[in-house]
Amino acid sequence: MYAVIETGGKQYRVQAGDVIDIELLSEVGHRGSDIAFDRVLMVGGEDGAKVGAPVVEGARVNGVLLNRVRGPKVIVFKKKRRKQYRRTRGHRQDLMRVRIQGIEA
């Protein structure tokens, strides 16, 4: 069984046992705390797929917070030709590593 969830403005296809990196959620506490994803867009399995409009009613994906990580460094370089203007900035996004425990549909 798999599900498509939405969190942090992104969509993820998940199964039980998957480990995903998602945007940092402010309401989640410490390592080992449970996370419930209520915005389930689609649930699929052997009996077919249920697609929500926009979410599947009564569907829920449960996970557990493994730890907080940081994403890869992204370099932002700005330049204007012939004006001696160059700026370099870097950014690393704060993420949460989550293990999917199960899917309730």
PDB file of N, CA and C in Angstrom:
ATOM      1  N   MET A   1       0.845  -1.172   0.000  1.00  0.00           N
ATOM      2  CA  MET A   1       0.000   0.000   0.000  1.00  0.00           C
ATOM      3  C   MET A   1       0.893   1.239   0.000  1.00  0.00           C
ATOM      4  N   TYR A   2       0.513   2.224  -0.769  1.00  0.00           N
ATOM      5  CA  TYR A   2       1.266   3.468  -0.839  1.00  0.00           C
ATOM      6  C   TYR A   2       0.298   4.637  -0.751  1.00  0.00           C
ATOM      7  N   ALA A   3       0.852   5.816  -0.487  1.00  0.00           N
ATOM      8  CA  ALA A   3       0.040   7.027  -0.395  1.00  0.00           C
ATOM      9  C   ALA A   3       0.848   8.192  -0.935  1.00  0.00           C
ATOM     10  N   VAL A   4       0.127   9.210  -1.391  1.00  0.00           N
ATOM     11  CA  VAL A   4       0.743  10.470  -1.802  1.00  0.00           C
ATOM     12  C   VAL A   4       0.291  11.510  -0.793  1.00  0.00           C
ATOM     13  N   ILE A   5       1.264  12.103  -0.083  1.00  0.00           N
ATOM     14  CA  ILE A   5       0.947  13.099   0.940  1.00  0.00           C
ATOM     15  C   ILE A   5       1.487  14.448   0.509  1.00  0.00           C
ATOM     16  N   GLU A   6       0.940  15.486   1.110  1.00  0.00           N
ATOM     17  CA  GLU A   6       1.411  16.844   0.854  1.00  0.00           C
ATOM     18  C   GLU A   6       1.826  17.460   2.177  1.00  0.00           C
ATOM     19  N   THR A   7       3.043  17.973   2.232  1.00  0.00           N
ATOM     20  CA  THR A   7       3.533  18.678   3.396  1.00  0.00           C
ATOM     21  C   THR A   7       4.621  19.646   2.958  1.00  0.00           C
ATOM     22  N   GLY A   8       4.601  20.826   3.507  1.00  0.00           N
ATOM     23  CA  GLY A   8       5.603  21.824   3.165  1.00  0.00           C
ATOM     24  C   GLY A   8       5.519  22.294   1.730  1.00  0.00           C
ATOM     25  N   GLY A   9       4.349  22.203   1.105  1.00  0.00           N
ATOM     26  CA  GLY A   9       4.192  22.633  -0.270  1.00  0.00           C
ATOM     27  C   GLY A   9       4.718  21.651  -1.294  1.00  0.00           C
ATOM     28  N   LYS A  10       5.092  20.453  -0.849  1.00  0.00           N
ATOM     29  CA  LYS A  10       5.612  19.431  -1.762  1.00  0.00           C
ATOM     30  C   LYS A  10       4.811  18.151  -1.587  1.00  0.00           C
ATOM     31  N   GLN A  11       4.852  17.296  -2.604  1.00  0.00           N
ATOM     32  CA  GLN A  11       4.135  16.030  -2.559  1.00  0.00           C
ATOM     33  C   GLN A  11       5.141  14.887  -2.534  1.00  0.00           C
ATOM     34  N   TYR A  12       4.831  13.865  -1.725  1.00  0.00           N
ATOM     35  CA  TYR A  12       5.717  12.724  -1.561  1.00  0.00           C
ATOM     36  C   TYR A  12       4.913  11.443  -1.724  1.00  0.00           C
ATOM     37  N   ARG A  13       5.472  10.469  -2.441  1.00  0.00           N
ATOM     38  CA  ARG A  13       4.872   9.142  -2.534  1.00  0.00           C
ATOM     39  C   ARG A  13       5.569   8.283  -1.493  1.00  0.00           C
ATOM     40  N   VAL A  14       4.806   7.739  -0.543  1.00  0.00           N
ATOM     41  CA  VAL A  14       5.395   7.040   0.594  1.00  0.00           C
ATOM     42  C   VAL A  14       4.766   5.668   0.763  1.00  0.00           C
ATOM     43  N   GLN A  15       5.525   4.768   1.387  1.00  0.00           N
ATOM     44  CA  GLN A  15       5.082   3.456   1.803  1.00  0.00           C
ATOM     45  C   GLN A  15       5.532   3.265   3.242  1.00  0.00           C
ATOM     46  N   ALA A  16       5.024   2.252   3.900  1.00  0.00           N
ATOM     47  CA  ALA A  16       5.461   1.948   5.263  1.00  0.00           C
ATOM     48  C   ALA A  16       6.933   1.561   5.233  1.00  0.00           C
ATOM     49  N   GLY A  17       7.717   2.158   6.114  1.00  0.00           N
ATOM     50  CA  GLY A  17       9.146   1.889   6.188  1.00  0.00           C
ATOM     51  C   GLY A  17      10.011   2.875   5.439  1.00  0.00           C
ATOM     52  N   ASP A  18       9.433   3.745   4.620  1.00  0.00           N
ATOM     53  CA  ASP A  18      10.216   4.735   3.874  1.00  0.00           C
ATOM     54  C   ASP A  18      10.770   5.796   4.819  1.00  0.00           C
ATOM     55  N   VAL A  19      11.937   6.330   4.471  1.00  0.00           N
ATOM     56  CA  VAL A  19      12.546   7.437   5.202  1.00  0.00           C
ATOM     57  C   VAL A  19      12.618   8.611   4.231  1.00  0.00           C
ATOM     58  N   ILE A  20      11.976   9.747   4.607  1.00  0.00           N
ATOM     59  CA  ILE A  20      11.936  10.917   3.727  1.00  0.00           C
ATOM     60  C   ILE A  20      12.422  12.142   4.488  1.00  0.00           C
ATOM     61  N   ASP A  21      12.916  13.111   3.747  1.00  0.00           N
ATOM     62  CA  ASP A  21      13.304  14.409   4.300  1.00  0.00           C
ATOM     63  C   ASP A  21      12.238  15.414   3.898  1.00  0.00           C
ATOM     64  N   ILE A  22      11.614  16.065   4.898  1.00  0.00           N
ATOM     65  CA  ILE A  22      10.554  17.022   4.633  1.00  0.00           C
ATOM     66  C   ILE A  22      10.934  18.364   5.221  1.00  0.00           C
ATOM     67  N   GLU A  23      10.167  19.391   4.841  1.00  0.00           N
ATOM     68  CA  GLU A  23      10.377  20.721   5.394  1.00  0.00           C
ATOM     69  C   GLU A  23      10.184  20.702   6.906  1.00  0.00           C
ATOM     70  N   LEU A  24      10.905  21.539   7.597  1.00  0.00           N
ATOM     71  CA  LEU A  24      10.845  21.593   9.051  1.00  0.00           C
ATOM     72  C   LEU A  24       9.472  22.075   9.508  1.00  0.00           C
ATOM     73  N   LEU A  25       8.820  21.290  10.360  1.00  0.00           N
ATOM     74  CA  LEU A  25       7.527  21.646  10.921  1.00  0.00           C
ATOM     75  C   LEU A  25       7.744  22.190  12.325  1.00  0.00           C
ATOM     76  N   SER A  26       7.110  23.299  12.649  1.00  0.00           N
ATOM     77  CA  SER A  26       7.345  23.937  13.937  1.00  0.00           C
ATOM     78  C   SER A  26       6.641  23.225  15.079  1.00  0.00           C
ATOM     79  N   GLU A  27       5.537  22.522  14.810  1.00  0.00           N
ATOM     80  CA  GLU A  27       4.773  21.922  15.893  1.00  0.00           C
ATOM     81  C   GLU A  27       5.316  20.584  16.374  1.00  0.00           C
ATOM     82  N   VAL A  28       6.316  20.030  15.683  1.00  0.00           N
ATOM     83  CA  VAL A  28       6.886  18.747  16.076  1.00  0.00           C
ATOM     84  C   VAL A  28       8.017  18.995  17.059  1.00  0.00           C
ATOM     85  N   GLY A  29       8.047  18.196  18.112  1.00  0.00           N
ATOM     86  CA  GLY A  29       9.000  18.411  19.187  1.00  0.00           C
ATOM     87  C   GLY A  29      10.356  17.776  18.976  1.00  0.00           C
ATOM     88  N   HIS A  30      10.624  16.710  19.706  1.00  0.00           N
ATOM     89  CA  HIS A  30      11.948  16.118  19.782  1.00  0.00           C
ATOM     90  C   HIS A  30      12.025  14.816  18.998  1.00  0.00           C
ATOM     91  N   ARG A  31      13.210  14.241  18.978  1.00  0.00           N
ATOM     92  CA  ARG A  31      13.447  12.998  18.271  1.00  0.00           C
ATOM     93  C   ARG A  31      12.584  11.888  18.872  1.00  0.00           C
ATOM     94  N   GLY A  32      11.972  11.107  18.012  1.00  0.00           N
ATOM     95  CA  GLY A  32      11.126  10.018  18.462  1.00  0.00           C
ATOM     96  C   GLY A  32       9.653  10.383  18.593  1.00  0.00           C
ATOM     97  N   SER A  33       9.313  11.646  18.390  1.00  0.00           N
ATOM     98  CA  SER A  33       7.911  12.039  18.507  1.00  0.00           C
ATOM     99  C   SER A  33       7.144  11.628  17.252  1.00  0.00           C
ATOM    100  N   ASP A  34       5.853  11.382  17.440  1.00  0.00           N
ATOM    101  CA  ASP A  34       5.000  10.918  16.349  1.00  0.00           C
ATOM    102  C   ASP A  34       4.509  12.089  15.515  1.00  0.00           C
ATOM    103  N   ILE A  35       4.367  11.843  14.203  1.00  0.00           N
ATOM    104  CA  ILE A  35       3.877  12.841  13.264  1.00  0.00           C
ATOM    105  C   ILE A  35       2.724  12.202  12.487  1.00  0.00           C
ATOM    106  N   ALA A  36       1.634  12.947  12.324  1.00  0.00           N
ATOM    107  CA  ALA A  36       0.498  12.465  11.538  1.00  0.00           C
ATOM    108  C   ALA A  36       0.292  13.403  10.364  1.00  0.00           C
ATOM    109  N   PHE A  37       0.225  12.845   9.170  1.00  0.00           N
ATOM    110  CA  PHE A  37      -0.017  13.612   7.958  1.00  0.00           C
ATOM    111  C   PHE A  37      -1.475  13.407   7.554  1.00  0.00           C
ATOM    112  N   ASP A  38      -2.269  14.475   7.633  1.00  0.00           N
ATOM    113  CA  ASP A  38      -3.691  14.386   7.322  1.00  0.00           C
ATOM    114  C   ASP A  38      -3.989  14.733   5.870  1.00  0.00           C
ATOM    115  N   ARG A  39      -3.091  15.437   5.201  1.00  0.00           N
ATOM    116  CA  ARG A  39      -3.326  15.802   3.797  1.00  0.00           C
ATOM    117  C   ARG A  39      -2.841  14.658   2.902  1.00  0.00           C
ATOM    118  N   VAL A  40      -3.671  13.635   2.781  1.00  0.00           N
ATOM    119  CA  VAL A  40      -3.382  12.478   1.936  1.00  0.00           C
ATOM    120  C   VAL A  40      -4.139  12.678   0.629  1.00  0.00           C
ATOM    121  N   LEU A  41      -3.410  12.836  -0.465  1.00  0.00           N
ATOM    122  CA  LEU A  41      -4.016  13.137  -1.757  1.00  0.00           C
ATOM    123  C   LEU A  41      -4.472  11.888  -2.501  1.00  0.00           C
ATOM    124  N   MET A  42      -3.781  10.755  -2.248  1.00  0.00           N
ATOM    125  CA  MET A  42      -4.118   9.522  -2.950  1.00  0.00           C
ATOM    126  C   MET A  42      -3.639   8.336  -2.137  1.00  0.00           C
ATOM    127  N   VAL A  43      -4.424   7.255  -2.171  1.00  0.00           N
ATOM    128  CA  VAL A  43      -4.046   6.005  -1.523  1.00  0.00           C
ATOM    129  C   VAL A  43      -4.198   4.904  -2.551  1.00  0.00           C
ATOM    130  N   GLY A  44      -3.166   4.077  -2.705  1.00  0.00           N
ATOM    131  CA  GLY A  44      -3.210   2.996  -3.680  1.00  0.00           C
ATOM    132  C   GLY A  44      -2.781   1.686  -3.066  1.00  0.00           C
ATOM    133  N   GLY A  45      -3.262   0.602  -3.655  1.00  0.00           N
ATOM    134  CA  GLY A  45      -2.912  -0.736  -3.184  1.00  0.00           C
ATOM    135  C   GLY A  45      -3.338  -1.771  -4.197  1.00  0.00           C
ATOM    136  N   GLU A  46      -3.524  -3.030  -3.727  1.00  0.00           N
ATOM    137  CA  GLU A  46      -3.933  -4.102  -4.620  1.00  0.00           C
ATOM    138  C   GLU A  46      -5.362  -3.910  -5.135  1.00  0.00           C
ATOM    139  N   ASP A  47      -6.211  -3.282  -4.323  1.00  0.00           N
ATOM    140  CA  ASP A  47      -7.618  -3.123  -4.705  1.00  0.00           C
ATOM    141  C   ASP A  47      -7.866  -1.864  -5.529  1.00  0.00           C
ATOM    142  N   GLY A  48      -6.835  -1.217  -5.995  1.00  0.00           N
ATOM    143  CA  GLY A  48      -6.991  -0.013  -6.807  1.00  0.00           C
ATOM    144  C   GLY A  48      -6.535   1.222  -6.055  1.00  0.00           C
ATOM    145  N   ALA A  49      -6.837   2.364  -6.639  1.00  0.00           N
ATOM    146  CA  ALA A  49      -6.400   3.628  -6.056  1.00  0.00           C
ATOM    147  C   ALA A  49      -7.606   4.488  -5.731  1.00  0.00           C
ATOM    148  N   LYS A  50      -7.505   5.193  -4.592  1.00  0.00           N
ATOM    149  CA  LYS A  50      -8.514   6.185  -4.223  1.00  0.00           C
ATOM    150  C   LYS A  50      -7.875   7.554  -4.337  1.00  0.00           C
ATOM    151  N   VAL A  51      -8.466   8.401  -5.164  1.00  0.00           N
ATOM    152  CA  VAL A  51      -7.940   9.741  -5.375  1.00  0.00           C
ATOM    153  C   VAL A  51      -8.878  10.722  -4.683  1.00  0.00           C
ATOM    154  N   GLY A  52      -8.313  11.622  -3.903  1.00  0.00           N
ATOM    155  CA  GLY A  52      -9.121  12.592  -3.183  1.00  0.00           C
ATOM    156  C   GLY A  52      -9.441  13.807  -4.029  1.00  0.00           C
ATOM    157  N   ALA A  53     -10.403  14.582  -3.509  1.00  0.00           N
ATOM    158  CA  ALA A  53     -10.774  15.816  -4.193  1.00  0.00           C
ATOM    159  C   ALA A  53     -10.920  16.922  -3.161  1.00  0.00           C
ATOM    160  N   PRO A  54      -9.920  17.552  -2.644  1.00  0.00           N
ATOM    161  CA  PRO A  54      -8.491  17.352  -2.897  1.00  0.00           C
ATOM    162  C   PRO A  54      -7.851  16.297  -2.008  1.00  0.00           C
ATOM    163  N   VAL A  55      -8.471  15.909  -0.868  1.00  0.00           N
ATOM    164  CA  VAL A  55      -7.859  14.908   0.005  1.00  0.00           C
ATOM    165  C   VAL A  55      -8.800  13.717   0.144  1.00  0.00           C
ATOM    166  N   VAL A  56      -8.215  12.573   0.503  1.00  0.00           N
ATOM    167  CA  VAL A  56      -8.994  11.370   0.741  1.00  0.00           C
ATOM    168  C   VAL A  56      -9.552  11.457   2.159  1.00  0.00           C
ATOM    169  N   GLU A  57     -10.865  11.353   2.291  1.00  0.00           N
ATOM    170  CA  GLU A  57     -11.509  11.465   3.597  1.00  0.00           C
ATOM    171  C   GLU A  57     -11.148  10.266   4.470  1.00  0.00           C
ATOM    172  N   GLY A  58     -10.763  10.538   5.717  1.00  0.00           N
ATOM    173  CA  GLY A  58     -10.457   9.486   6.674  1.00  0.00           C
ATOM    174  C   GLY A  58      -9.091   8.856   6.509  1.00  0.00           C
ATOM    175  N   ALA A  59      -8.317   9.253   5.541  1.00  0.00           N
ATOM    176  CA  ALA A  59      -6.985   8.681   5.323  1.00  0.00           C
ATOM    177  C   ALA A  59      -5.967   9.447   6.164  1.00  0.00           C
ATOM    178  N   ARG A  60      -4.961   8.718   6.605  1.00  0.00           N
ATOM    179  CA  ARG A  60      -3.955   9.307   7.483  1.00  0.00           C
ATOM    180  C   ARG A  60      -2.663   8.512   7.339  1.00  0.00           C
ATOM    181  N   VAL A  61      -1.549   9.213   7.368  1.00  0.00           N
ATOM    182  CA  VAL A  61      -0.231   8.580   7.312  1.00  0.00           C
ATOM    183  C   VAL A  61       0.497   8.925   8.596  1.00  0.00           C
ATOM    184  N   ASN A  62       0.988   7.898   9.296  1.00  0.00           N
ATOM    185  CA  ASN A  62       1.685   8.088  10.561  1.00  0.00           C
ATOM    186  C   ASN A  62       3.181   7.892  10.365  1.00  0.00           C
ATOM    187  N   GLY A  63       3.957   8.729  11.069  1.00  0.00           N
ATOM    188  CA  GLY A  63       5.402   8.641  10.990  1.00  0.00           C
ATOM    189  C   GLY A  63       6.035   8.981  12.319  1.00  0.00           C
ATOM    190  N   VAL A  64       7.342   8.805  12.382  1.00  0.00           N
ATOM    191  CA  VAL A  64       8.092   9.139  13.588  1.00  0.00           C
ATOM    192  C   VAL A  64       9.314   9.962  13.176  1.00  0.00           C
ATOM    193  N   LEU A  65       9.611  10.992  13.959  1.00  0.00           N
ATOM    194  CA  LEU A  65      10.738  11.883  13.679  1.00  0.00           C
ATOM    195  C   LEU A  65      12.039  11.202  14.058  1.00  0.00           C
ATOM    196  N   LEU A  66      12.933  11.045  13.087  1.00  0.00           N
ATOM    197  CA  LEU A  66      14.231  10.439  13.364  1.00  0.00           C
ATOM    198  C   LEU A  66      15.217  11.482  13.874  1.00  0.00           C
ATOM    199  N   ASN A  67      15.401  12.559  13.128  1.00  0.00           N
ATOM    200  CA  ASN A  67      16.250  13.672  13.577  1.00  0.00           C
ATOM    201  C   ASN A  67      16.070  14.848  12.630  1.00  0.00           C
ATOM    202  N   ARG A  68      16.681  15.948  12.986  1.00  0.00           N
ATOM    203  CA  ARG A  68      16.665  17.140  12.145  1.00  0.00           C
ATOM    204  C   ARG A  68      17.973  17.189  11.371  1.00  0.00           C
ATOM    205  N   VAL A  69      17.875  17.454  10.084  1.00  0.00           N
ATOM    206  CA  VAL A  69      19.050  17.488   9.216  1.00  0.00           C
ATOM    207  C   VAL A  69      19.034  18.787   8.433  1.00  0.00           C
ATOM    208  N   ARG A  70      20.110  19.030   7.717  1.00  0.00           N
ATOM    209  CA  ARG A  70      20.182  20.193   6.838  1.00  0.00           C
ATOM    210  C   ARG A  70      20.400  19.705   5.427  1.00  0.00           C
ATOM    211  N   GLY A  71      19.754  20.374   4.499  1.00  0.00           N
ATOM    212  CA  GLY A  71      19.835  19.989   3.094  1.00  0.00           C
ATOM    213  C   GLY A  71      21.172  20.372   2.485  1.00  0.00           C
ATOM    214  N   PRO A  72      21.353  20.081   1.219  1.00  0.00           N
ATOM    215  CA  PRO A  72      22.600  20.436   0.554  1.00  0.00           C
ATOM    216  C   PRO A  72      22.734  21.948   0.406  1.00  0.00           C
ATOM    217  N   LYS A  73      23.969  22.406   0.332  1.00  0.00           N
ATOM    218  CA  LYS A  73      24.205  23.831   0.177  1.00  0.00           C
ATOM    219  C   LYS A  73      23.894  24.268  -1.244  1.00  0.00           C
ATOM    220  N   VAL A  74      23.149  25.352  -1.353  1.00  0.00           N
ATOM    221  CA  VAL A  74      22.811  25.935  -2.644  1.00  0.00           C
ATOM    222  C   VAL A  74      23.537  27.270  -2.741  1.00  0.00           C
ATOM    223  N   ILE A  75      24.321  27.457  -3.783  1.00  0.00           N
ATOM    224  CA  ILE A  75      25.070  28.691  -3.988  1.00  0.00           C
ATOM    225  C   ILE A  75      24.266  29.611  -4.898  1.00  0.00           C
ATOM    226  N   VAL A  76      24.066  30.841  -4.458  1.00  0.00           N
ATOM    227  CA  VAL A  76      23.365  31.847  -5.248  1.00  0.00           C
ATOM    228  C   VAL A  76      24.402  32.882  -5.653  1.00  0.00           C
ATOM    229  N   PHE A  77      24.620  33.022  -6.962  1.00  0.00           N
ATOM    230  CA  PHE A  77      25.633  33.946  -7.466  1.00  0.00           C
ATOM    231  C   PHE A  77      24.955  34.960  -8.369  1.00  0.00           C
ATOM    232  N   LYS A  78      25.113  36.243  -8.030  1.00  0.00           N
ATOM    233  CA  LYS A  78      24.539  37.317  -8.833  1.00  0.00           C
ATOM    234  C   LYS A  78      25.673  38.104  -9.479  1.00  0.00           C
ATOM    235  N   LYS A  79      25.445  38.518 -10.727  1.00  0.00           N
ATOM    236  CA  LYS A  79      26.489  39.247 -11.441  1.00  0.00           C
ATOM    237  C   LYS A  79      25.844  40.166 -12.468  1.00  0.00           C
ATOM    238  N   LYS A  80      26.387  41.345 -12.605  1.00  0.00           N
ATOM    239  CA  LYS A  80      25.988  42.257 -13.678  1.00  0.00           C
ATOM    240  C   LYS A  80      27.239  42.541 -14.495  1.00  0.00           C
ATOM    241  N   ARG A  81      27.129  42.297 -15.771  1.00  0.00           N
ATOM    242  CA  ARG A  81      28.313  42.408 -16.606  1.00  0.00           C
ATOM    243  C   ARG A  81      28.759  43.866 -16.738  1.00  0.00           C
ATOM    244  N   ARG A  82      30.058  44.032 -16.805  1.00  0.00           N
ATOM    245  CA  ARG A  82      30.734  45.319 -16.995  1.00  0.00           C
ATOM    246  C   ARG A  82      30.462  46.316 -15.873  1.00  0.00           C
ATOM    247  N   LYS A  83      29.939  45.922 -14.749  1.00  0.00           N
ATOM    248  CA  LYS A  83      29.637  46.854 -13.654  1.00  0.00           C
ATOM    249  C   LYS A  83      30.395  46.521 -12.372  1.00  0.00           C
ATOM    250  N   GLN A  84      31.250  45.492 -12.418  1.00  0.00           N
ATOM    251  CA  GLN A  84      32.016  45.072 -11.247  1.00  0.00           C
ATOM    252  C   GLN A  84      31.100  44.702 -10.077  1.00  0.00           C
ATOM    253  N   TYR A  85      29.948  44.108 -10.387  1.00  0.00           N
ATOM    254  CA  TYR A  85      28.988  43.713  -9.363  1.00  0.00           C
ATOM    255  C   TYR A  85      28.925  42.192  -9.293  1.00  0.00           C
ATOM    256  N   ARG A  86      29.345  41.639  -8.160  1.00  0.00           N
ATOM    257  CA  ARG A  86      29.283  40.200  -7.934  1.00  0.00           C
ATOM    258  C   ARG A  86      28.915  39.954  -6.479  1.00  0.00           C
ATOM    259  N   ARG A  87      27.937  39.099  -6.254  1.00  0.00           N
ATOM    260  CA  ARG A  87      27.523  38.743  -4.898  1.00  0.00           C
ATOM    261  C   ARG A  87      27.352  37.228  -4.834  1.00  0.00           C
ATOM    262  N   THR A  88      27.882  36.620  -3.803  1.00  0.00           N
ATOM    263  CA  THR A  88      27.746  35.191  -3.599  1.00  0.00           C
ATOM    264  C   THR A  88      27.087  34.953  -2.249  1.00  0.00           C
ATOM    265  N   ARG A  89      26.016  34.202  -2.255  1.00  0.00           N
ATOM    266  CA  ARG A  89      25.322  33.837  -1.030  1.00  0.00           C
ATOM    267  C   ARG A  89      25.116  32.329  -1.040  1.00  0.00           C
ATOM    268  N   GLY A  90      25.043  31.762   0.130  1.00  0.00           N
ATOM    269  CA  GLY A  90      24.766  30.336   0.252  1.00  0.00           C
ATOM    270  C   GLY A  90      23.534  30.114   1.109  1.00  0.00           C
ATOM    271  N   HIS A  91      22.886  28.962   0.928  1.00  0.00           N
ATOM    272  CA  HIS A  91      21.695  28.636   1.704  1.00  0.00           C
ATOM    273  C   HIS A  91      21.646  27.139   1.948  1.00  0.00           C
ATOM    274  N   ARG A  92      21.279  26.754   3.175  1.00  0.00           N
ATOM    275  CA  ARG A  92      21.018  25.355   3.506  1.00  0.00           C
ATOM    276  C   ARG A  92      19.672  25.297   4.198  1.00  0.00           C
ATOM    277  N   GLN A  93      18.768  24.482   3.671  1.00  0.00           N
ATOM    278  CA  GLN A  93      17.419  24.375   4.214  1.00  0.00           C
ATOM    279  C   GLN A  93      17.399  23.428   5.408  1.00  0.00           C
ATOM    280  N   ASP A  94      16.674  23.799   6.465  1.00  0.00           N
ATOM    281  CA  ASP A  94      16.480  22.912   7.605  1.00  0.00           C
ATOM    282  C   ASP A  94      15.395  21.896   7.260  1.00  0.00           C
ATOM    283  N   LEU A  95      15.691  20.617   7.486  1.00  0.00           N
ATOM    284  CA  LEU A  95      14.778  19.535   7.132  1.00  0.00           C
ATOM    285  C   LEU A  95      14.571  18.611   8.323  1.00  0.00           C
ATOM    286  N   MET A  96      13.546  17.783   8.225  1.00  0.00           N
ATOM    287  CA  MET A  96      13.296  16.739   9.212  1.00  0.00           C
ATOM    288  C   MET A  96      13.342  15.396   8.493  1.00  0.00           C
ATOM    289  N   ARG A  97      14.027  14.442   9.093  1.00  0.00           N
ATOM    290  CA  ARG A  97      14.062  13.084   8.548  1.00  0.00           C
ATOM    291  C   ARG A  97      12.994  12.277   9.275  1.00  0.00           C
ATOM    292  N   VAL A  98      12.049  11.732   8.493  1.00  0.00           N
ATOM    293  CA  VAL A  98      10.879  11.057   9.053  1.00  0.00           C
ATOM    294  C   VAL A  98      10.808   9.646   8.498  1.00  0.00           C
ATOM    295  N   ARG A  99      10.530   8.667   9.389  1.00  0.00           N
ATOM    296  CA  ARG A  99      10.271   7.291   8.952  1.00  0.00           C
ATOM    297  C   ARG A  99       8.759   7.074   8.967  1.00  0.00           C
ATOM    298  N   ILE A 100       8.218   6.595   7.850  1.00  0.00           N
ATOM    299  CA  ILE A 100       6.787   6.348   7.734  1.00  0.00           C
ATOM    300  C   ILE A 100       6.462   5.034   8.433  1.00  0.00           C
ATOM    301  N   GLN A 101       5.556   5.085   9.417  1.00  0.00           N
ATOM    302  CA  GLN A 101       5.187   3.899  10.187  1.00  0.00           C
ATOM    303  C   GLN A 101       4.063   3.119   9.516  1.00  0.00           C
ATOM    304  N   GLY A 102       3.028   3.805   9.075  1.00  0.00           N
ATOM    305  CA  GLY A 102       1.908   3.088   8.489  1.00  0.00           C
ATOM    306  C   GLY A 102       0.933   4.032   7.806  1.00  0.00           C
ATOM    307  N   ILE A 103       0.020   3.433   7.031  1.00  0.00           N
ATOM    308  CA  ILE A 103      -0.980   4.185   6.285  1.00  0.00           C
ATOM    309  C   ILE A 103      -2.350   3.679   6.707  1.00  0.00           C
ATOM    310  N   GLU A 104      -3.213   4.585   7.136  1.00  0.00           N
ATOM    311  CA  GLU A 104      -4.590   4.254   7.495  1.00  0.00           C
ATOM    312  C   GLU A 104      -5.503   4.827   6.425  1.00  0.00           C
ATOM    313  N   ALA A 105      -6.286   3.954   5.805  1.00  0.00           N
ATOM    314  CA  ALA A 105      -7.192   4.429   4.759  1.00  0.00           C
ATOM    315  C   ALA A 105      -8.567   3.806   4.907  1.00  0.00           C
TER     316      ALA A 105
END
